[in-house]
N, C-alpha and C. Protein backbone atom coordinates (compact mmCIF):
# COMPACT_ATOMS: atom_id res chain seq x y z
N MET A 1 -7.45 6.93 28.35
CA MET A 1 -7.47 5.96 27.27
C MET A 1 -6.64 4.75 27.69
N ALA A 2 -7.16 3.58 27.42
CA ALA A 2 -6.44 2.35 27.75
C ALA A 2 -5.21 2.22 26.86
N GLY A 3 -4.24 1.48 27.34
CA GLY A 3 -3.01 1.32 26.58
C GLY A 3 -2.46 -0.08 26.71
N PHE A 4 -1.27 -0.23 26.24
CA PHE A 4 -0.58 -1.50 26.29
C PHE A 4 0.77 -1.29 26.94
N ARG A 5 1.33 -2.35 27.47
CA ARG A 5 2.69 -2.27 28.00
C ARG A 5 3.37 -3.60 27.75
N LEU A 6 4.68 -3.56 27.71
CA LEU A 6 5.45 -4.79 27.58
C LEU A 6 5.57 -5.43 28.95
N ARG A 7 5.68 -6.75 28.98
CA ARG A 7 5.84 -7.44 30.26
C ARG A 7 7.14 -7.01 30.93
N ASP A 8 7.20 -7.21 32.23
CA ASP A 8 8.41 -6.89 32.98
C ASP A 8 9.61 -7.57 32.35
N GLY A 9 10.69 -6.85 32.21
CA GLY A 9 11.92 -7.40 31.66
C GLY A 9 11.98 -7.43 30.14
N ILE A 10 10.91 -7.01 29.47
CA ILE A 10 10.89 -6.99 28.01
C ILE A 10 10.99 -5.53 27.56
N GLY A 11 12.13 -5.17 27.03
CA GLY A 11 12.31 -3.83 26.49
C GLY A 11 11.94 -3.78 25.02
N ILE A 12 11.90 -2.59 24.48
CA ILE A 12 11.50 -2.42 23.08
C ILE A 12 12.45 -3.13 22.13
N GLU A 13 13.74 -3.19 22.47
CA GLU A 13 14.70 -3.85 21.59
C GLU A 13 14.49 -5.37 21.57
N LEU A 14 14.21 -5.96 22.72
CA LEU A 14 13.92 -7.39 22.77
C LEU A 14 12.59 -7.68 22.07
N PHE A 15 11.62 -6.80 22.24
CA PHE A 15 10.34 -6.93 21.56
C PHE A 15 10.53 -6.92 20.05
N LEU A 16 11.34 -6.00 19.55
CA LEU A 16 11.64 -5.94 18.11
C LEU A 16 12.31 -7.22 17.64
N ARG A 17 13.27 -7.71 18.40
CA ARG A 17 13.97 -8.94 18.02
C ARG A 17 12.99 -10.11 17.95
N ARG A 18 12.09 -10.21 18.94
CA ARG A 18 11.12 -11.32 18.95
C ARG A 18 10.10 -11.19 17.81
N LEU A 19 9.69 -9.98 17.51
CA LEU A 19 8.79 -9.78 16.36
C LEU A 19 9.47 -10.23 15.07
N THR A 20 10.71 -9.82 14.90
CA THR A 20 11.47 -10.18 13.70
C THR A 20 11.62 -11.69 13.60
N GLU A 21 12.01 -12.33 14.70
CA GLU A 21 12.19 -13.79 14.70
C GLU A 21 10.88 -14.51 14.39
N ALA A 22 9.78 -14.03 14.94
CA ALA A 22 8.48 -14.66 14.69
C ALA A 22 8.09 -14.52 13.22
N ALA A 23 8.26 -13.34 12.67
CA ALA A 23 7.92 -13.12 11.26
C ALA A 23 8.82 -13.96 10.36
N LEU A 24 10.11 -13.98 10.64
CA LEU A 24 11.04 -14.79 9.84
C LEU A 24 10.70 -16.27 9.93
N GLY A 25 10.35 -16.73 11.11
CA GLY A 25 9.99 -18.13 11.29
C GLY A 25 8.82 -18.52 10.39
N GLU A 26 7.80 -17.67 10.36
CA GLU A 26 6.64 -17.94 9.51
C GLU A 26 7.01 -17.90 8.03
N ILE A 27 7.79 -16.92 7.64
CA ILE A 27 8.21 -16.80 6.23
C ILE A 27 9.04 -18.00 5.82
N GLU A 28 9.98 -18.41 6.67
CA GLU A 28 10.84 -19.55 6.33
C GLU A 28 10.07 -20.86 6.30
N ARG A 29 9.07 -21.02 7.17
CA ARG A 29 8.25 -22.23 7.12
C ARG A 29 7.46 -22.31 5.81
N GLN A 30 7.02 -21.17 5.36
CA GLN A 30 6.20 -21.13 4.15
C GLN A 30 7.04 -21.16 2.87
N TYR A 31 8.17 -20.45 2.86
CA TYR A 31 8.92 -20.25 1.61
C TYR A 31 10.35 -20.75 1.63
N GLY A 32 10.83 -21.20 2.77
CA GLY A 32 12.22 -21.66 2.86
C GLY A 32 13.14 -20.56 3.38
N PRO A 33 14.43 -20.87 3.48
CA PRO A 33 15.40 -19.93 4.05
C PRO A 33 15.43 -18.59 3.31
N VAL A 34 15.71 -17.55 4.07
CA VAL A 34 15.82 -16.21 3.49
C VAL A 34 17.26 -15.73 3.61
N ALA A 35 17.62 -14.80 2.78
CA ALA A 35 18.96 -14.21 2.81
C ALA A 35 19.11 -13.32 4.04
N PRO A 36 20.33 -13.22 4.58
CA PRO A 36 20.56 -12.34 5.74
C PRO A 36 20.12 -10.89 5.46
N GLU A 37 20.26 -10.45 4.22
CA GLU A 37 19.85 -9.08 3.87
C GLU A 37 18.35 -8.90 4.07
N PHE A 38 17.58 -9.97 3.78
CA PHE A 38 16.14 -9.90 3.96
C PHE A 38 15.80 -9.71 5.44
N LYS A 39 16.49 -10.45 6.29
CA LYS A 39 16.26 -10.31 7.73
C LYS A 39 16.51 -8.87 8.17
N GLY A 40 17.59 -8.29 7.68
CA GLY A 40 17.90 -6.90 8.02
C GLY A 40 16.83 -5.93 7.55
N ARG A 41 16.33 -6.14 6.34
CA ARG A 41 15.28 -5.26 5.81
C ARG A 41 13.97 -5.43 6.57
N LEU A 42 13.66 -6.68 6.93
CA LEU A 42 12.44 -6.94 7.70
C LEU A 42 12.52 -6.26 9.06
N GLU A 43 13.64 -6.45 9.75
CA GLU A 43 13.80 -5.83 11.07
C GLU A 43 13.73 -4.31 10.97
N ARG A 44 14.31 -3.75 9.93
CA ARG A 44 14.29 -2.30 9.73
C ARG A 44 12.85 -1.81 9.52
N ALA A 45 12.08 -2.55 8.74
CA ALA A 45 10.69 -2.17 8.48
C ALA A 45 9.87 -2.22 9.77
N LEU A 46 10.04 -3.28 10.56
CA LEU A 46 9.31 -3.39 11.83
C LEU A 46 9.73 -2.28 12.79
N LYS A 47 11.02 -2.00 12.84
CA LYS A 47 11.53 -0.95 13.72
C LYS A 47 10.95 0.40 13.32
N HIS A 48 10.85 0.64 12.03
CA HIS A 48 10.29 1.90 11.53
C HIS A 48 8.85 2.07 12.01
N VAL A 49 8.05 1.02 11.89
CA VAL A 49 6.66 1.09 12.34
C VAL A 49 6.59 1.35 13.84
N LEU A 50 7.34 0.60 14.62
CA LEU A 50 7.33 0.79 16.08
C LEU A 50 7.77 2.21 16.44
N HIS A 51 8.80 2.70 15.77
CA HIS A 51 9.34 4.02 16.08
C HIS A 51 8.31 5.12 15.85
N TYR A 52 7.55 5.02 14.78
CA TYR A 52 6.61 6.09 14.45
C TYR A 52 5.22 5.90 15.04
N GLU A 53 4.89 4.72 15.50
CA GLU A 53 3.56 4.49 16.05
C GLU A 53 3.53 4.43 17.57
N MET A 54 4.69 4.56 18.21
CA MET A 54 4.76 4.49 19.67
C MET A 54 5.44 5.73 20.22
N GLU A 55 5.19 5.99 21.48
CA GLU A 55 5.91 7.01 22.21
C GLU A 55 6.50 6.37 23.45
N ALA A 56 7.64 6.86 23.85
CA ALA A 56 8.32 6.34 25.04
C ALA A 56 8.45 7.46 26.06
N SER A 57 8.43 7.10 27.32
CA SER A 57 8.63 8.07 28.39
C SER A 57 9.11 7.36 29.63
N PRO A 58 10.10 7.94 30.31
CA PRO A 58 10.55 7.33 31.56
C PRO A 58 9.52 7.51 32.68
N LEU A 59 8.53 8.35 32.48
CA LEU A 59 7.52 8.60 33.51
C LEU A 59 6.45 7.52 33.57
N CYS A 60 6.30 6.74 32.51
CA CYS A 60 5.19 5.80 32.45
C CYS A 60 5.40 4.55 33.28
N GLY A 61 6.62 4.11 33.41
CA GLY A 61 6.85 2.90 34.18
C GLY A 61 5.96 1.77 33.70
N LEU A 62 5.19 1.18 34.59
CA LEU A 62 4.32 0.06 34.24
C LEU A 62 2.89 0.48 33.95
N SER A 63 2.63 1.77 33.95
CA SER A 63 1.27 2.26 33.75
C SER A 63 0.79 2.00 32.33
N THR A 64 -0.45 1.60 32.21
CA THR A 64 -1.03 1.43 30.87
C THR A 64 -1.83 2.66 30.45
N THR A 65 -2.02 3.59 31.35
CA THR A 65 -2.79 4.79 31.02
C THR A 65 -1.95 6.05 31.15
N CYS A 66 -0.67 5.92 31.07
CA CYS A 66 0.23 7.05 31.22
C CYS A 66 0.03 8.05 30.09
N ASN A 67 -0.01 9.32 30.42
CA ASN A 67 -0.13 10.38 29.43
C ASN A 67 0.79 11.52 29.84
N PRO A 68 2.10 11.35 29.68
CA PRO A 68 3.04 12.37 30.13
C PRO A 68 2.96 13.63 29.29
N ALA A 69 3.43 14.73 29.86
CA ALA A 69 3.48 15.99 29.13
C ALA A 69 4.33 15.83 27.88
N GLU A 70 4.08 16.68 26.91
CA GLU A 70 4.77 16.60 25.62
C GLU A 70 6.29 16.52 25.76
N GLY A 71 6.87 17.29 26.66
CA GLY A 71 8.32 17.30 26.84
C GLY A 71 8.89 16.03 27.43
N MET A 72 8.03 15.17 27.94
CA MET A 72 8.49 13.92 28.53
C MET A 72 8.12 12.72 27.67
N ARG A 73 7.92 12.96 26.38
CA ARG A 73 7.63 11.88 25.42
C ARG A 73 8.66 11.92 24.30
N ALA A 74 8.97 10.76 23.78
CA ALA A 74 9.93 10.68 22.67
C ALA A 74 9.64 9.43 21.86
N ARG A 75 10.14 9.40 20.64
CA ARG A 75 10.06 8.19 19.82
C ARG A 75 11.00 7.16 20.41
N PRO A 76 10.70 5.86 20.26
CA PRO A 76 11.51 4.82 20.92
C PRO A 76 13.00 4.83 20.61
N TRP A 77 13.41 5.08 19.36
CA TRP A 77 14.85 5.05 19.04
C TRP A 77 15.41 6.46 18.84
N SER A 78 14.82 7.44 19.52
CA SER A 78 15.31 8.82 19.43
C SER A 78 16.51 9.01 20.36
N ARG A 79 17.21 10.10 20.16
CA ARG A 79 18.34 10.43 21.05
C ARG A 79 17.85 10.59 22.49
N GLN A 80 16.65 11.19 22.64
CA GLN A 80 16.12 11.40 23.99
C GLN A 80 15.81 10.07 24.67
N ALA A 81 15.21 9.13 23.95
CA ALA A 81 14.91 7.82 24.54
C ALA A 81 16.20 7.11 24.93
N ALA A 82 17.24 7.25 24.12
CA ALA A 82 18.54 6.66 24.46
C ALA A 82 19.12 7.33 25.70
N ALA A 83 18.99 8.65 25.79
CA ALA A 83 19.49 9.38 26.96
C ALA A 83 18.75 8.95 28.23
N TRP A 84 17.49 8.64 28.11
CA TRP A 84 16.71 8.15 29.25
C TRP A 84 17.04 6.70 29.58
N GLY A 85 17.77 6.02 28.72
CA GLY A 85 18.11 4.62 28.96
C GLY A 85 17.03 3.64 28.51
N LEU A 86 16.10 4.10 27.69
CA LEU A 86 15.01 3.24 27.23
C LEU A 86 15.44 2.33 26.08
N VAL A 87 16.46 2.71 25.34
CA VAL A 87 17.06 1.88 24.28
C VAL A 87 18.57 1.99 24.42
N SER A 88 19.28 1.01 23.86
CA SER A 88 20.74 1.01 24.01
C SER A 88 21.40 2.11 23.20
N GLN A 89 20.81 2.47 22.06
CA GLN A 89 21.36 3.58 21.28
C GLN A 89 20.29 4.14 20.36
N ALA A 90 20.43 5.42 20.04
CA ALA A 90 19.50 6.08 19.13
C ALA A 90 19.75 5.60 17.71
N ASP A 91 18.78 5.80 16.85
CA ASP A 91 18.91 5.48 15.43
C ASP A 91 18.68 6.77 14.65
N PRO A 92 19.76 7.49 14.33
CA PRO A 92 19.62 8.79 13.66
C PRO A 92 18.85 8.72 12.34
N GLU A 93 18.96 7.61 11.61
CA GLU A 93 18.23 7.49 10.35
C GLU A 93 16.72 7.55 10.57
N LEU A 94 16.24 6.95 11.65
CA LEU A 94 14.81 6.99 11.93
C LEU A 94 14.38 8.39 12.34
N GLU A 95 15.22 9.09 13.07
CA GLU A 95 14.87 10.44 13.49
C GLU A 95 14.75 11.38 12.30
N GLU A 96 15.55 11.14 11.26
CA GLU A 96 15.56 12.02 10.10
C GLU A 96 14.50 11.64 9.07
N ALA A 97 14.07 10.39 9.08
CA ALA A 97 13.11 9.92 8.08
C ALA A 97 11.70 10.40 8.41
N ALA A 98 10.96 10.69 7.39
CA ALA A 98 9.56 11.07 7.59
C ALA A 98 8.73 9.81 7.79
N PRO A 99 7.73 9.86 8.66
CA PRO A 99 6.89 8.68 8.86
C PRO A 99 6.13 8.34 7.58
N LYS A 100 5.96 7.03 7.36
CA LYS A 100 5.20 6.57 6.19
C LYS A 100 3.73 6.50 6.55
N GLY A 101 2.93 6.92 5.62
CA GLY A 101 1.61 6.94 5.66
C GLY A 101 0.52 6.65 6.38
């Protein structure tokens, strides 16, 4: 199955930051400045979607068709992904939360 990958040098955390900034930019152009709390909630919502809709593995490297064994896959902000060095730190709240719909 075909897949997607981030460009070289773009990690999931930078990708999340850029998604948040792009969404905020559009919202602020349309509606004006937003409260800092809104930015935090927006970033949290985007992070939640990425966490539950993606899998991370140190085995995939730059491959777009990587399909590692179950034991070598993890959610992006899981303790395992952090242990592999794929994110700077795990997010325990995401690990405990049930995926939304």
